[in-house]
Amino acid sequence: MSGYWAAAEDPQGLVLIMHHWDGLTDYERDHADMLADMGYDAFALDMFGVDTPTETVDHRRAATGALRRRNSEFLRRLIVRS
């Protein structure tokens, strides 16, 4: 998976940011940066993947449909094992 990483100077924890159906945008990146300024490492996850178009409603429908079809793979990647 890809995304946007914002590192805090002295991290107090980690926040995972998931985007709306329009994909990873400046909105999520800006929030990650704000969280880093507040002392939290932040990762804005791109659930659709690099180079997935999300400019139009049809693009977004296709991207969310593809994500649903591979739901088990997506969930497996999110699970953190210690």
PDB file of N, CA and C in Angstrom:
ATOM      1  N   MET A   1       0.838  -1.179   0.000  1.00  0.00           N
ATOM      2  CA  MET A   1       0.000   0.000   0.000  1.00  0.00           C
ATOM      3  C   MET A   1       0.875   1.232   0.000  1.00  0.00           C
ATOM      4  N   SER A   2       0.319   2.282  -0.467  1.00  0.00           N
ATOM      5  CA  SER A   2       1.046   3.536  -0.515  1.00  0.00           C
ATOM      6  C   SER A   2       0.311   4.566   0.322  1.00  0.00           C
ATOM      7  N   GLY A   3       0.919   5.717   0.465  1.00  0.00           N
ATOM      8  CA  GLY A   3       0.287   6.773   1.222  1.00  0.00           C
ATOM      9  C   GLY A   3       1.230   7.926   1.449  1.00  0.00           C
ATOM     10  N   TYR A   4       0.899   8.718   2.454  1.00  0.00           N
ATOM     11  CA  TYR A   4       1.654   9.922   2.783  1.00  0.00           C
ATOM     12  C   TYR A   4       2.044   9.857   4.254  1.00  0.00           C
ATOM     13  N   TRP A   5       3.340   9.979   4.525  1.00  0.00           N
ATOM     14  CA  TRP A   5       3.866   9.909   5.885  1.00  0.00           C
ATOM     15  C   TRP A   5       4.226  11.306   6.366  1.00  0.00           C
ATOM     16  N   ALA A   6       3.770  11.639   7.565  1.00  0.00           N
ATOM     17  CA  ALA A   6       4.141  12.900   8.209  1.00  0.00           C
ATOM     18  C   ALA A   6       4.739  12.553   9.570  1.00  0.00           C
ATOM     19  N   ALA A   7       6.005  12.845   9.742  1.00  0.00           N
ATOM     20  CA  ALA A   7       6.714  12.479  10.966  1.00  0.00           C
ATOM     21  C   ALA A   7       6.719  13.625  11.968  1.00  0.00           C
ATOM     22  N   ALA A   8       6.433  13.282  13.213  1.00  0.00           N
ATOM     23  CA  ALA A   8       6.514  14.251  14.304  1.00  0.00           C
ATOM     24  C   ALA A   8       7.957  14.329  14.790  1.00  0.00           C
ATOM     25  N   GLU A   9       8.305  15.453  15.363  1.00  0.00           N
ATOM     26  CA  GLU A   9       9.663  15.625  15.879  1.00  0.00           C
ATOM     27  C   GLU A   9       9.928  14.686  17.054  1.00  0.00           C
ATOM     28  N   ASP A  10       9.009  14.601  17.995  1.00  0.00           N
ATOM     29  CA  ASP A  10       9.120  13.706  19.154  1.00  0.00           C
ATOM     30  C   ASP A  10       7.787  12.970  19.269  1.00  0.00           C
ATOM     31  N   PRO A  11       7.588  11.911  18.483  1.00  0.00           N
ATOM     32  CA  PRO A  11       6.260  11.296  18.356  1.00  0.00           C
ATOM     33  C   PRO A  11       5.694  10.747  19.667  1.00  0.00           C
ATOM     34  N   GLN A  12       4.414  11.034  19.867  1.00  0.00           N
ATOM     35  CA  GLN A  12       3.674  10.556  21.030  1.00  0.00           C
ATOM     36  C   GLN A  12       2.757   9.393  20.670  1.00  0.00           C
ATOM     37  N   GLY A  13       2.760   9.014  19.420  1.00  0.00           N
ATOM     38  CA  GLY A  13       1.900   7.937  18.939  1.00  0.00           C
ATOM     39  C   GLY A  13       1.770   8.037  17.433  1.00  0.00           C
ATOM     40  N   LEU A  14       0.940   7.174  16.892  1.00  0.00           N
ATOM     41  CA  LEU A  14       0.737   7.121  15.450  1.00  0.00           C
ATOM     42  C   LEU A  14      -0.752   7.199  15.146  1.00  0.00           C
ATOM     43  N   VAL A  15      -1.103   7.969  14.120  1.00  0.00           N
ATOM     44  CA  VAL A  15      -2.487   8.086  13.670  1.00  0.00           C
ATOM     45  C   VAL A  15      -2.551   7.618  12.218  1.00  0.00           C
ATOM     46  N   LEU A  16      -3.496   6.734  11.936  1.00  0.00           N
ATOM     47  CA  LEU A  16      -3.740   6.263  10.578  1.00  0.00           C
ATOM     48  C   LEU A  16      -4.938   7.020  10.022  1.00  0.00           C
ATOM     49  N   ILE A  17      -4.756   7.635   8.876  1.00  0.00           N
ATOM     50  CA  ILE A  17      -5.814   8.415   8.237  1.00  0.00           C
ATOM     51  C   ILE A  17      -6.273   7.678   6.989  1.00  0.00           C
ATOM     52  N   MET A  18      -7.581   7.467   6.889  1.00  0.00           N
ATOM     53  CA  MET A  18      -8.147   6.820   5.707  1.00  0.00           C
ATOM     54  C   MET A  18      -9.008   7.834   4.973  1.00  0.00           C
ATOM     55  N   HIS A  19      -8.857   7.868   3.672  1.00  0.00           N
ATOM     56  CA  HIS A  19      -9.537   8.870   2.855  1.00  0.00           C
ATOM     57  C   HIS A  19     -10.988   8.493   2.560  1.00  0.00           C
ATOM     58  N   HIS A  20     -11.720   9.461   2.034  1.00  0.00           N
ATOM     59  CA  HIS A  20     -13.076   9.242   1.541  1.00  0.00           C
ATOM     60  C   HIS A  20     -12.992   8.605   0.166  1.00  0.00           C
ATOM     61  N   TRP A  21     -14.087   8.495  -0.512  1.00  0.00           N
ATOM     62  CA  TRP A  21     -14.093   7.776  -1.784  1.00  0.00           C
ATOM     63  C   TRP A  21     -13.406   8.531  -2.919  1.00  0.00           C
ATOM     64  N   ASP A  22     -12.987   9.750  -2.659  1.00  0.00           N
ATOM     65  CA  ASP A  22     -12.277  10.499  -3.696  1.00  0.00           C
ATOM     66  C   ASP A  22     -10.776  10.246  -3.678  1.00  0.00           C
ATOM     67  N   GLY A  23     -10.320   9.327  -2.860  1.00  0.00           N
ATOM     68  CA  GLY A  23      -8.908   8.964  -2.832  1.00  0.00           C
ATOM     69  C   GLY A  23      -8.084   9.887  -1.952  1.00  0.00           C
ATOM     70  N   LEU A  24      -6.793   9.628  -1.929  1.00  0.00           N
ATOM     71  CA  LEU A  24      -5.858  10.418  -1.141  1.00  0.00           C
ATOM     72  C   LEU A  24      -5.686  11.791  -1.796  1.00  0.00           C
ATOM     73  N   THR A  25      -6.025  12.828  -1.041  1.00  0.00           N
ATOM     74  CA  THR A  25      -5.975  14.194  -1.565  1.00  0.00           C
ATOM     75  C   THR A  25      -5.171  15.082  -0.617  1.00  0.00           C
ATOM     76  N   ASP A  26      -5.064  16.337  -0.967  1.00  0.00           N
ATOM     77  CA  ASP A  26      -4.383  17.300  -0.099  1.00  0.00           C
ATOM     78  C   ASP A  26      -5.071  17.412   1.260  1.00  0.00           C
ATOM     79  N   TYR A  27      -6.365  17.150   1.317  1.00  0.00           N
ATOM     80  CA  TYR A  27      -7.097  17.218   2.585  1.00  0.00           C
ATOM     81  C   TYR A  27      -6.476  16.259   3.605  1.00  0.00           C
ATOM     82  N   GLU A  28      -6.252  15.010   3.194  1.00  0.00           N
ATOM     83  CA  GLU A  28      -5.664  14.025   4.098  1.00  0.00           C
ATOM     84  C   GLU A  28      -4.201  14.343   4.385  1.00  0.00           C
ATOM     85  N   ARG A  29      -3.475  14.788   3.373  1.00  0.00           N
ATOM     86  CA  ARG A  29      -2.065  15.153   3.577  1.00  0.00           C
ATOM     87  C   ARG A  29      -1.942  16.318   4.565  1.00  0.00           C
ATOM     88  N   ASP A  30      -2.788  17.320   4.418  1.00  0.00           N
ATOM     89  CA  ASP A  30      -2.762  18.471   5.323  1.00  0.00           C
ATOM     90  C   ASP A  30      -3.067  18.050   6.760  1.00  0.00           C
ATOM     91  N   HIS A  31      -4.030  17.135   6.923  1.00  0.00           N
ATOM     92  CA  HIS A  31      -4.349  16.661   8.268  1.00  0.00           C
ATOM     93  C   HIS A  31      -3.195  15.858   8.860  1.00  0.00           C
ATOM     94  N   ALA A  32      -2.515  15.072   8.039  1.00  0.00           N
ATOM     95  CA  ALA A  32      -1.341  14.345   8.523  1.00  0.00           C
ATOM     96  C   ALA A  32      -0.270  15.322   9.000  1.00  0.00           C
ATOM     97  N   ASP A  33      -0.045  16.381   8.237  1.00  0.00           N
ATOM     98  CA  ASP A  33       0.935  17.396   8.631  1.00  0.00           C
ATOM     99  C   ASP A  33       0.523  18.094   9.923  1.00  0.00           C
ATOM    100  N   MET A  34      -0.757  18.390  10.072  1.00  0.00           N
ATOM    101  CA  MET A  34      -1.237  19.035  11.304  1.00  0.00           C
ATOM    102  C   MET A  34      -1.033  18.121  12.512  1.00  0.00           C
ATOM    103  N   LEU A  35      -1.301  16.830  12.326  1.00  0.00           N
ATOM    104  CA  LEU A  35      -1.096  15.882  13.422  1.00  0.00           C
ATOM    105  C   LEU A  35       0.379  15.778  13.780  1.00  0.00           C
ATOM    106  N   ALA A  36       1.252  15.796  12.785  1.00  0.00           N
ATOM    107  CA  ALA A  36       2.685  15.763  13.051  1.00  0.00           C
ATOM    108  C   ALA A  36       3.108  16.998  13.847  1.00  0.00           C
ATOM    109  N   ASP A  37       2.541  18.140  13.508  1.00  0.00           N
ATOM    110  CA  ASP A  37       2.826  19.369  14.265  1.00  0.00           C
ATOM    111  C   ASP A  37       2.339  19.266  15.697  1.00  0.00           C
ATOM    112  N   MET A  38       1.314  18.453  15.937  1.00  0.00           N
ATOM    113  CA  MET A  38       0.769  18.260  17.282  1.00  0.00           C
ATOM    114  C   MET A  38       1.511  17.162  18.053  1.00  0.00           C
ATOM    115  N   GLY A  39       2.475  16.505  17.401  1.00  0.00           N
ATOM    116  CA  GLY A  39       3.282  15.512  18.103  1.00  0.00           C
ATOM    117  C   GLY A  39       2.968  14.065  17.776  1.00  0.00           C
ATOM    118  N   TYR A  40       2.202  13.827  16.731  1.00  0.00           N
ATOM    119  CA  TYR A  40       1.851  12.459  16.345  1.00  0.00           C
ATOM    120  C   TYR A  40       2.378  12.141  14.952  1.00  0.00           C
ATOM    121  N   ASP A  41       3.057  11.005  14.823  1.00  0.00           N
ATOM    122  CA  ASP A  41       3.339  10.526  13.475  1.00  0.00           C
ATOM    123  C   ASP A  41       2.000  10.229  12.830  1.00  0.00           C
ATOM    124  N   ALA A  42       1.893  10.465  11.533  1.00  0.00           N
ATOM    125  CA  ALA A  42       0.618  10.229  10.843  1.00  0.00           C
ATOM    126  C   ALA A  42       0.878   9.611   9.473  1.00  0.00           C
ATOM    127  N   PHE A  43       0.071   8.627   9.152  1.00  0.00           N
ATOM    128  CA  PHE A  43       0.148   8.008   7.834  1.00  0.00           C
ATOM    129  C   PHE A  43      -1.226   8.099   7.190  1.00  0.00           C
ATOM    130  N   ALA A  44      -1.277   8.799   6.057  1.00  0.00           N
ATOM    131  CA  ALA A  44      -2.514   8.899   5.281  1.00  0.00           C
ATOM    132  C   ALA A  44      -2.456   7.797   4.221  1.00  0.00           C
ATOM    133  N   LEU A  45      -3.251   6.790   4.417  1.00  0.00           N
ATOM    134  CA  LEU A  45      -3.250   5.598   3.586  1.00  0.00           C
ATOM    135  C   LEU A  45      -3.964   5.846   2.265  1.00  0.00           C
ATOM    136  N   ASP A  46      -3.356   5.415   1.181  1.00  0.00           N
ATOM    137  CA  ASP A  46      -4.015   5.444  -0.124  1.00  0.00           C
ATOM    138  C   ASP A  46      -4.593   4.058  -0.367  1.00  0.00           C
ATOM    139  N   MET A  47      -5.859   3.885  -0.041  1.00  0.00           N
ATOM    140  CA  MET A  47      -6.487   2.565  -0.141  1.00  0.00           C
ATOM    141  C   MET A  47      -6.605   2.075  -1.574  1.00  0.00           C
ATOM    142  N   PHE A  48      -6.645   2.982  -2.530  1.00  0.00           N
ATOM    143  CA  PHE A  48      -6.827   2.582  -3.926  1.00  0.00           C
ATOM    144  C   PHE A  48      -5.517   2.217  -4.600  1.00  0.00           C
ATOM    145  N   GLY A  49      -4.418   2.769  -4.151  1.00  0.00           N
ATOM    146  CA  GLY A  49      -3.121   2.476  -4.732  1.00  0.00           C
ATOM    147  C   GLY A  49      -2.651   3.559  -5.685  1.00  0.00           C
ATOM    148  N   VAL A  50      -1.370   3.538  -5.925  1.00  0.00           N
ATOM    149  CA  VAL A  50      -0.723   4.523  -6.796  1.00  0.00           C
ATOM    150  C   VAL A  50      -1.299   4.421  -8.203  1.00  0.00           C
ATOM    151  N   ASP A  51      -1.485   5.550  -8.818  1.00  0.00           N
ATOM    152  CA  ASP A  51      -1.934   5.653 -10.213  1.00  0.00           C
ATOM    153  C   ASP A  51      -3.370   5.192 -10.451  1.00  0.00           C
ATOM    154  N   THR A  52      -4.180   5.072  -9.399  1.00  0.00           N
ATOM    155  CA  THR A  52      -5.595   4.772  -9.585  1.00  0.00           C
ATOM    156  C   THR A  52      -6.328   6.094  -9.794  1.00  0.00           C
ATOM    157  N   PRO A  53      -6.957   6.278 -10.944  1.00  0.00           N
ATOM    158  CA  PRO A  53      -7.648   7.552 -11.184  1.00  0.00           C
ATOM    159  C   PRO A  53      -8.882   7.700 -10.293  1.00  0.00           C
ATOM    160  N   THR A  54      -9.077   8.902  -9.777  1.00  0.00           N
ATOM    161  CA  THR A  54     -10.245   9.198  -8.928  1.00  0.00           C
ATOM    162  C   THR A  54     -10.861  10.545  -9.278  1.00  0.00           C
ATOM    163  N   GLU A  55     -10.575  11.043 -10.469  1.00  0.00           N
ATOM    164  CA  GLU A  55     -11.026  12.386 -10.830  1.00  0.00           C
ATOM    165  C   GLU A  55     -12.529  12.468 -11.076  1.00  0.00           C
ATOM    166  N   THR A  56     -13.138  11.413 -11.583  1.00  0.00           N
ATOM    167  CA  THR A  56     -14.560  11.462 -11.910  1.00  0.00           C
ATOM    168  C   THR A  56     -15.347  10.482 -11.041  1.00  0.00           C
ATOM    169  N   VAL A  57     -16.648  10.621 -11.049  1.00  0.00           N
ATOM    170  CA  VAL A  57     -17.507   9.700 -10.307  1.00  0.00           C
ATOM    171  C   VAL A  57     -17.325   8.271 -10.824  1.00  0.00           C
ATOM    172  N   ASP A  58     -17.219   8.106 -12.131  1.00  0.00           N
ATOM    173  CA  ASP A  58     -17.005   6.765 -12.687  1.00  0.00           C
ATOM    174  C   ASP A  58     -15.673   6.172 -12.216  1.00  0.00           C
ATOM    175  N   HIS A  59     -14.627   6.987 -12.160  1.00  0.00           N
ATOM    176  CA  HIS A  59     -13.337   6.517 -11.633  1.00  0.00           C
ATOM    177  C   HIS A  59     -13.489   6.057 -10.186  1.00  0.00           C
ATOM    178  N   ARG A  60     -14.201   6.839  -9.392  1.00  0.00           N
ATOM    179  CA  ARG A  60     -14.371   6.520  -7.967  1.00  0.00           C
ATOM    180  C   ARG A  60     -15.188   5.246  -7.785  1.00  0.00           C
ATOM    181  N   ARG A  61     -16.216   5.078  -8.595  1.00  0.00           N
ATOM    182  CA  ARG A  61     -16.999   3.838  -8.534  1.00  0.00           C
ATOM    183  C   ARG A  61     -16.135   2.639  -8.864  1.00  0.00           C
ATOM    184  N   ALA A  62     -15.307   2.762  -9.886  1.00  0.00           N
ATOM    185  CA  ALA A  62     -14.416   1.661 -10.280  1.00  0.00           C
ATOM    186  C   ALA A  62     -13.405   1.360  -9.169  1.00  0.00           C
ATOM    187  N   ALA A  63     -12.849   2.403  -8.562  1.00  0.00           N
ATOM    188  CA  ALA A  63     -11.839   2.212  -7.518  1.00  0.00           C
ATOM    189  C   ALA A  63     -12.448   1.562  -6.276  1.00  0.00           C
ATOM    190  N   THR A  64     -13.626   2.014  -5.854  1.00  0.00           N
ATOM    191  CA  THR A  64     -14.247   1.411  -4.674  1.00  0.00           C
ATOM    192  C   THR A  64     -14.717  -0.011  -4.980  1.00  0.00           C
ATOM    193  N   GLY A  65     -15.179  -0.250  -6.186  1.00  0.00           N
ATOM    194  CA  GLY A  65     -15.578  -1.607  -6.574  1.00  0.00           C
ATOM    195  C   GLY A  65     -14.405  -2.562  -6.543  1.00  0.00           C
ATOM    196  N   ALA A  66     -13.260  -2.124  -7.054  1.00  0.00           N
ATOM    197  CA  ALA A  66     -12.060  -2.961  -7.033  1.00  0.00           C
ATOM    198  C   ALA A  66     -11.616  -3.227  -5.600  1.00  0.00           C
ATOM    199  N   LEU A  67     -11.715  -2.240  -4.740  1.00  0.00           N
ATOM    200  CA  LEU A  67     -11.350  -2.410  -3.340  1.00  0.00           C
ATOM    201  C   LEU A  67     -12.266  -3.425  -2.668  1.00  0.00           C
ATOM    202  N   ARG A  68     -13.548  -3.362  -2.950  1.00  0.00           N
ATOM    203  CA  ARG A  68     -14.495  -4.331  -2.375  1.00  0.00           C
ATOM    204  C   ARG A  68     -14.206  -5.748  -2.851  1.00  0.00           C
ATOM    205  N   ARG A  69     -13.835  -5.877  -4.120  1.00  0.00           N
ATOM    206  CA  ARG A  69     -13.548  -7.209  -4.659  1.00  0.00           C
ATOM    207  C   ARG A  69     -12.325  -7.844  -4.011  1.00  0.00           C
ATOM    208  N   ARG A  70     -11.401  -7.026  -3.556  1.00  0.00           N
ATOM    209  CA  ARG A  70     -10.215  -7.564  -2.889  1.00  0.00           C
ATOM    210  C   ARG A  70     -10.212  -7.222  -1.394  1.00  0.00           C
ATOM    211  N   ASN A  71     -11.385  -7.200  -0.800  1.00  0.00           N
ATOM    212  CA  ASN A  71     -11.568  -6.819   0.595  1.00  0.00           C
ATOM    213  C   ASN A  71     -10.718  -7.653   1.550  1.00  0.00           C
ATOM    214  N   SER A  72     -10.654  -8.965   1.344  1.00  0.00           N
ATOM    215  CA  SER A  72      -9.888  -9.804   2.263  1.00  0.00           C
ATOM    216  C   SER A  72      -8.404  -9.467   2.204  1.00  0.00           C
ATOM    217  N   GLU A  73      -7.887  -9.150   1.017  1.00  0.00           N
ATOM    218  CA  GLU A  73      -6.484  -8.748   0.886  1.00  0.00           C
ATOM    219  C   GLU A  73      -6.251  -7.428   1.608  1.00  0.00           C
ATOM    220  N   PHE A  74      -7.159  -6.495   1.434  1.00  0.00           N
ATOM    221  CA  PHE A  74      -7.047  -5.195   2.086  1.00  0.00           C
ATOM    222  C   PHE A  74      -7.025  -5.355   3.605  1.00  0.00           C
ATOM    223  N   LEU A  75      -7.942  -6.138   4.148  1.00  0.00           N
ATOM    224  CA  LEU A  75      -7.994  -6.339   5.601  1.00  0.00           C
ATOM    225  C   LEU A  75      -6.744  -7.044   6.105  1.00  0.00           C
ATOM    226  N   ARG A  76      -6.240  -8.005   5.358  1.00  0.00           N
ATOM    227  CA  ARG A  76      -5.027  -8.712   5.755  1.00  0.00           C
ATOM    228  C   ARG A  76      -3.852  -7.740   5.856  1.00  0.00           C
ATOM    229  N   ARG A  77      -3.761  -6.793   4.959  1.00  0.00           N
ATOM    230  CA  ARG A  77      -2.671  -5.829   4.983  1.00  0.00           C
ATOM    231  C   ARG A  77      -2.786  -4.869   6.167  1.00  0.00           C
ATOM    232  N   LEU A  78      -3.999  -4.599   6.609  1.00  0.00           N
ATOM    233  CA  LEU A  78      -4.193  -3.667   7.727  1.00  0.00           C
ATOM    234  C   LEU A  78      -3.905  -4.304   9.082  1.00  0.00           C
ATOM    235  N   ILE A  79      -4.028  -5.616   9.179  1.00  0.00           N
ATOM    236  CA  ILE A  79      -3.838  -6.279  10.462  1.00  0.00           C
ATOM    237  C   ILE A  79      -2.365  -6.282  10.817  1.00  0.00           C
ATOM    238  N   VAL A  80      -2.079  -5.775  11.994  1.00  0.00           N
ATOM    239  CA  VAL A  80      -0.711  -5.724  12.478  1.00  0.00           C
ATOM    240  C   VAL A  80      -0.513  -6.890  13.429  1.00  0.00           C
ATOM    241  N   ARG A  81       0.493  -7.667  13.139  1.00  0.00           N
ATOM    242  CA  ARG A  81       0.796  -8.820  14.011  1.00  0.00           C
ATOM    243  C   ARG A  81       2.030  -8.494  14.824  1.00  0.00           C
ATOM    244  N   SER A  82       1.964  -8.842  16.099  1.00  0.00           N
ATOM    245  CA  SER A  82       3.135  -8.589  16.959  1.00  0.00           C
ATOM    246  C   SER A  82       3.923  -9.857  17.167  1.00  0.00           C
TER     247      SER A  82
END
